[in-house]
């Protein structure tokens, strides 16, 4: 992590329902959804945030930057 740049999510894994289950970071690490939630909340991962869903559980979403190509659902699967 040169220059203190934070990691970003570059690929995702989905289950049969299309729900995100794990993430690959720009450094090649693979995080479970739970690990990813913790790292987003502590500021390790850039470009995403955690919000409380209608189900009351925390969920990860991309920052609203007006660019649909970096939405988590648009990332390649690994």
N, C-alpha and C. Protein backbone atom coordinates (compact mmCIF):
# COMPACT_ATOMS: atom_id res chain seq x y z
N UNK A 1 0.86 -1.18 0.00
CA UNK A 1 0.00 0.00 0.00
C UNK A 1 0.89 1.24 0.00
N UNK A 2 1.40 1.56 -1.14
CA UNK A 2 2.31 2.69 -1.26
C UNK A 2 1.54 4.00 -1.11
N UNK A 3 2.18 4.96 -0.48
CA UNK A 3 1.58 6.27 -0.36
C UNK A 3 0.33 6.31 0.50
N UNK A 4 0.11 5.25 1.28
CA UNK A 4 -1.04 5.22 2.17
C UNK A 4 -2.37 5.08 1.44
N UNK A 5 -2.34 4.63 0.20
CA UNK A 5 -3.60 4.46 -0.53
C UNK A 5 -4.38 3.30 0.06
N UNK A 6 -5.68 3.50 0.17
CA UNK A 6 -6.53 2.45 0.71
C UNK A 6 -6.89 1.47 -0.39
N UNK A 7 -7.17 0.25 0.03
CA UNK A 7 -7.58 -0.79 -0.91
C UNK A 7 -8.98 -0.49 -1.45
N UNK A 8 -9.27 -1.07 -2.60
CA UNK A 8 -10.61 -1.00 -3.19
C UNK A 8 -11.05 -2.41 -3.53
N UNK A 9 -12.34 -2.59 -3.66
CA UNK A 9 -12.86 -3.87 -4.14
C UNK A 9 -12.75 -3.88 -5.65
N UNK A 10 -12.21 -4.97 -6.21
CA UNK A 10 -12.05 -5.07 -7.66
C UNK A 10 -12.87 -6.21 -8.26
N UNK A 11 -13.34 -7.14 -7.42
CA UNK A 11 -14.15 -8.25 -7.92
C UNK A 11 -15.01 -8.76 -6.77
N UNK A 12 -16.09 -9.44 -7.12
CA UNK A 12 -17.02 -9.94 -6.12
C UNK A 12 -17.38 -11.39 -6.42
N UNK A 13 -17.89 -12.06 -5.41
CA UNK A 13 -18.45 -13.40 -5.58
C UNK A 13 -19.89 -13.33 -5.11
N UNK A 14 -20.79 -13.95 -5.87
CA UNK A 14 -22.21 -13.92 -5.53
C UNK A 14 -22.73 -15.34 -5.32
N UNK A 15 -23.79 -15.44 -4.53
CA UNK A 15 -24.43 -16.74 -4.36
C UNK A 15 -25.50 -16.93 -5.43
N UNK A 16 -26.24 -18.01 -5.36
CA UNK A 16 -27.24 -18.33 -6.37
C UNK A 16 -28.37 -17.31 -6.44
N UNK A 17 -28.58 -16.55 -5.37
CA UNK A 17 -29.62 -15.52 -5.34
C UNK A 17 -29.11 -14.19 -5.86
N UNK A 18 -27.82 -14.12 -6.22
CA UNK A 18 -27.25 -12.87 -6.69
C UNK A 18 -26.78 -11.97 -5.57
N UNK A 19 -26.78 -12.48 -4.34
CA UNK A 19 -26.29 -11.69 -3.20
C UNK A 19 -24.77 -11.76 -3.15
N UNK A 20 -24.14 -10.65 -2.81
CA UNK A 20 -22.69 -10.62 -2.68
C UNK A 20 -22.27 -11.43 -1.45
N UNK A 21 -21.29 -12.32 -1.62
CA UNK A 21 -20.86 -13.16 -0.50
C UNK A 21 -19.41 -12.93 -0.12
N UNK A 22 -18.57 -12.48 -1.07
CA UNK A 22 -17.18 -12.18 -0.74
C UNK A 22 -16.63 -11.20 -1.76
N UNK A 23 -15.48 -10.63 -1.40
CA UNK A 23 -14.90 -9.54 -2.18
C UNK A 23 -13.41 -9.78 -2.37
N UNK A 24 -12.90 -9.38 -3.54
CA UNK A 24 -11.46 -9.38 -3.76
C UNK A 24 -11.00 -7.93 -3.78
N UNK A 25 -9.89 -7.65 -3.08
CA UNK A 25 -9.39 -6.28 -2.99
C UNK A 25 -8.32 -6.03 -4.04
N UNK A 26 -7.97 -4.76 -4.17
CA UNK A 26 -6.96 -4.34 -5.15
C UNK A 26 -5.59 -4.92 -4.85
N UNK A 27 -5.37 -5.45 -3.64
CA UNK A 27 -4.10 -6.10 -3.33
C UNK A 27 -4.19 -7.61 -3.46
N UNK A 28 -5.36 -8.10 -3.89
CA UNK A 28 -5.52 -9.53 -4.10
C UNK A 28 -6.07 -10.30 -2.92
N UNK A 29 -6.34 -9.59 -1.82
CA UNK A 29 -6.93 -10.30 -0.67
C UNK A 29 -8.38 -10.65 -0.97
N UNK A 30 -8.84 -11.78 -0.43
CA UNK A 30 -10.23 -12.18 -0.55
C UNK A 30 -10.85 -12.12 0.84
N UNK A 31 -11.94 -11.36 0.95
CA UNK A 31 -12.61 -11.15 2.24
C UNK A 31 -14.01 -11.71 2.20
N UNK A 32 -14.41 -12.39 3.27
CA UNK A 32 -15.81 -12.77 3.40
C UNK A 32 -16.63 -11.51 3.60
N UNK A 33 -17.94 -11.63 3.46
CA UNK A 33 -18.80 -10.46 3.64
C UNK A 33 -18.57 -9.85 5.03
N UNK A 34 -18.47 -10.73 6.05
CA UNK A 34 -18.29 -10.24 7.42
C UNK A 34 -16.96 -9.51 7.58
N UNK A 35 -15.88 -10.09 7.01
CA UNK A 35 -14.57 -9.42 7.08
C UNK A 35 -14.63 -8.08 6.35
N UNK A 36 -15.27 -8.08 5.19
CA UNK A 36 -15.37 -6.86 4.40
C UNK A 36 -16.12 -5.78 5.17
N UNK A 37 -17.22 -6.15 5.83
CA UNK A 37 -17.97 -5.18 6.63
C UNK A 37 -17.06 -4.52 7.66
N UNK A 38 -16.27 -5.32 8.36
CA UNK A 38 -15.39 -4.78 9.39
C UNK A 38 -14.36 -3.83 8.78
N UNK A 39 -13.80 -4.22 7.64
CA UNK A 39 -12.74 -3.40 7.04
C UNK A 39 -13.30 -2.11 6.44
N UNK A 40 -14.51 -2.16 5.92
CA UNK A 40 -15.14 -0.93 5.42
C UNK A 40 -15.41 0.01 6.60
N UNK A 41 -15.92 -0.55 7.69
CA UNK A 41 -16.25 0.28 8.85
C UNK A 41 -15.00 0.90 9.48
N UNK A 42 -13.85 0.24 9.38
CA UNK A 42 -12.63 0.79 9.98
C UNK A 42 -11.84 1.64 8.99
N UNK A 43 -12.35 1.79 7.76
CA UNK A 43 -11.73 2.69 6.81
C UNK A 43 -10.59 2.09 6.00
N UNK A 44 -10.44 0.77 6.04
CA UNK A 44 -9.36 0.12 5.28
C UNK A 44 -9.68 0.13 3.78
N UNK A 45 -10.97 0.00 3.44
CA UNK A 45 -11.39 -0.10 2.05
C UNK A 45 -12.00 1.24 1.61
N UNK A 46 -11.56 1.74 0.46
CA UNK A 46 -12.05 3.01 -0.07
C UNK A 46 -13.19 2.77 -1.06
N UNK A 47 -14.02 3.80 -1.25
CA UNK A 47 -15.03 3.78 -2.29
C UNK A 47 -16.32 3.08 -1.94
N UNK A 48 -16.45 2.65 -0.69
CA UNK A 48 -17.66 1.95 -0.26
C UNK A 48 -18.04 2.43 1.14
N UNK A 49 -19.26 2.14 1.54
CA UNK A 49 -19.71 2.48 2.88
C UNK A 49 -20.67 1.41 3.37
N UNK A 50 -20.98 1.46 4.65
CA UNK A 50 -21.89 0.51 5.27
C UNK A 50 -23.15 1.25 5.66
N UNK A 51 -24.30 0.65 5.34
CA UNK A 51 -25.57 1.24 5.75
C UNK A 51 -26.44 0.16 6.37
N UNK A 52 -27.43 0.58 7.16
CA UNK A 52 -28.35 -0.37 7.77
C UNK A 52 -29.52 -0.59 6.80
N UNK A 53 -29.72 -1.83 6.40
CA UNK A 53 -30.78 -2.16 5.45
C UNK A 53 -32.14 -2.22 6.10
N UNK A 54 -33.15 -2.41 5.27
CA UNK A 54 -34.52 -2.52 5.78
C UNK A 54 -34.66 -3.70 6.73
N UNK A 55 -33.77 -4.69 6.57
CA UNK A 55 -33.79 -5.86 7.46
C UNK A 55 -33.09 -5.60 8.79
N UNK A 56 -32.55 -4.38 8.95
CA UNK A 56 -31.87 -4.03 10.19
C UNK A 56 -30.42 -4.46 10.25
N UNK A 57 -29.97 -5.19 9.24
CA UNK A 57 -28.58 -5.67 9.21
C UNK A 57 -27.71 -4.69 8.43
N UNK A 58 -26.41 -4.67 8.73
CA UNK A 58 -25.50 -3.81 7.97
C UNK A 58 -25.22 -4.40 6.59
N UNK A 59 -25.14 -3.54 5.60
CA UNK A 59 -24.85 -3.94 4.22
C UNK A 59 -23.79 -3.01 3.65
N UNK A 60 -23.04 -3.54 2.67
CA UNK A 60 -22.00 -2.76 2.01
C UNK A 60 -22.55 -2.23 0.69
N UNK A 61 -22.26 -0.98 0.40
CA UNK A 61 -22.63 -0.42 -0.91
C UNK A 61 -21.53 0.53 -1.36
N UNK A 62 -21.48 0.72 -2.68
CA UNK A 62 -20.52 1.66 -3.23
C UNK A 62 -20.92 3.08 -2.90
N UNK A 63 -19.94 3.96 -2.75
CA UNK A 63 -20.24 5.37 -2.53
C UNK A 63 -21.00 5.92 -3.73
N UNK A 64 -21.94 6.80 -3.48
CA UNK A 64 -22.74 7.41 -4.54
C UNK A 64 -21.88 8.48 -5.22
N UNK A 65 -21.21 8.08 -6.30
CA UNK A 65 -20.34 9.02 -7.00
C UNK A 65 -20.82 9.29 -8.42
N UNK A 66 -22.01 8.79 -8.76
CA UNK A 66 -22.57 9.04 -10.08
C UNK A 66 -21.98 8.17 -11.17
N UNK A 67 -21.10 7.24 -10.83
CA UNK A 67 -20.47 6.37 -11.81
C UNK A 67 -20.98 4.95 -11.64
N UNK A 68 -21.92 4.51 -12.49
CA UNK A 68 -22.49 3.18 -12.30
C UNK A 68 -21.51 2.04 -12.54
N UNK A 69 -20.39 2.32 -13.22
CA UNK A 69 -19.48 1.22 -13.55
C UNK A 69 -18.73 0.69 -12.33
N UNK A 70 -18.67 1.48 -11.24
CA UNK A 70 -17.97 0.95 -10.06
C UNK A 70 -18.94 0.49 -8.97
N UNK A 71 -20.22 0.38 -9.30
CA UNK A 71 -21.17 -0.22 -8.36
C UNK A 71 -20.74 -1.65 -8.09
N UNK A 72 -20.92 -2.10 -6.87
CA UNK A 72 -20.45 -3.44 -6.50
C UNK A 72 -21.05 -4.51 -7.41
N UNK A 73 -22.31 -4.38 -7.78
CA UNK A 73 -22.94 -5.38 -8.65
C UNK A 73 -22.33 -5.41 -10.05
N UNK A 74 -21.65 -4.34 -10.44
CA UNK A 74 -21.05 -4.27 -11.78
C UNK A 74 -19.62 -4.81 -11.81
N UNK A 75 -19.03 -5.08 -10.66
CA UNK A 75 -17.66 -5.58 -10.64
C UNK A 75 -17.63 -6.99 -11.20
N UNK A 76 -16.49 -7.38 -11.81
CA UNK A 76 -16.39 -8.76 -12.31
C UNK A 76 -16.46 -9.76 -11.17
N UNK A 77 -16.89 -10.96 -11.49
CA UNK A 77 -16.89 -12.02 -10.49
C UNK A 77 -15.59 -12.79 -10.57
N UNK A 78 -15.19 -13.35 -9.43
CA UNK A 78 -13.94 -14.13 -9.38
C UNK A 78 -14.22 -15.52 -8.86
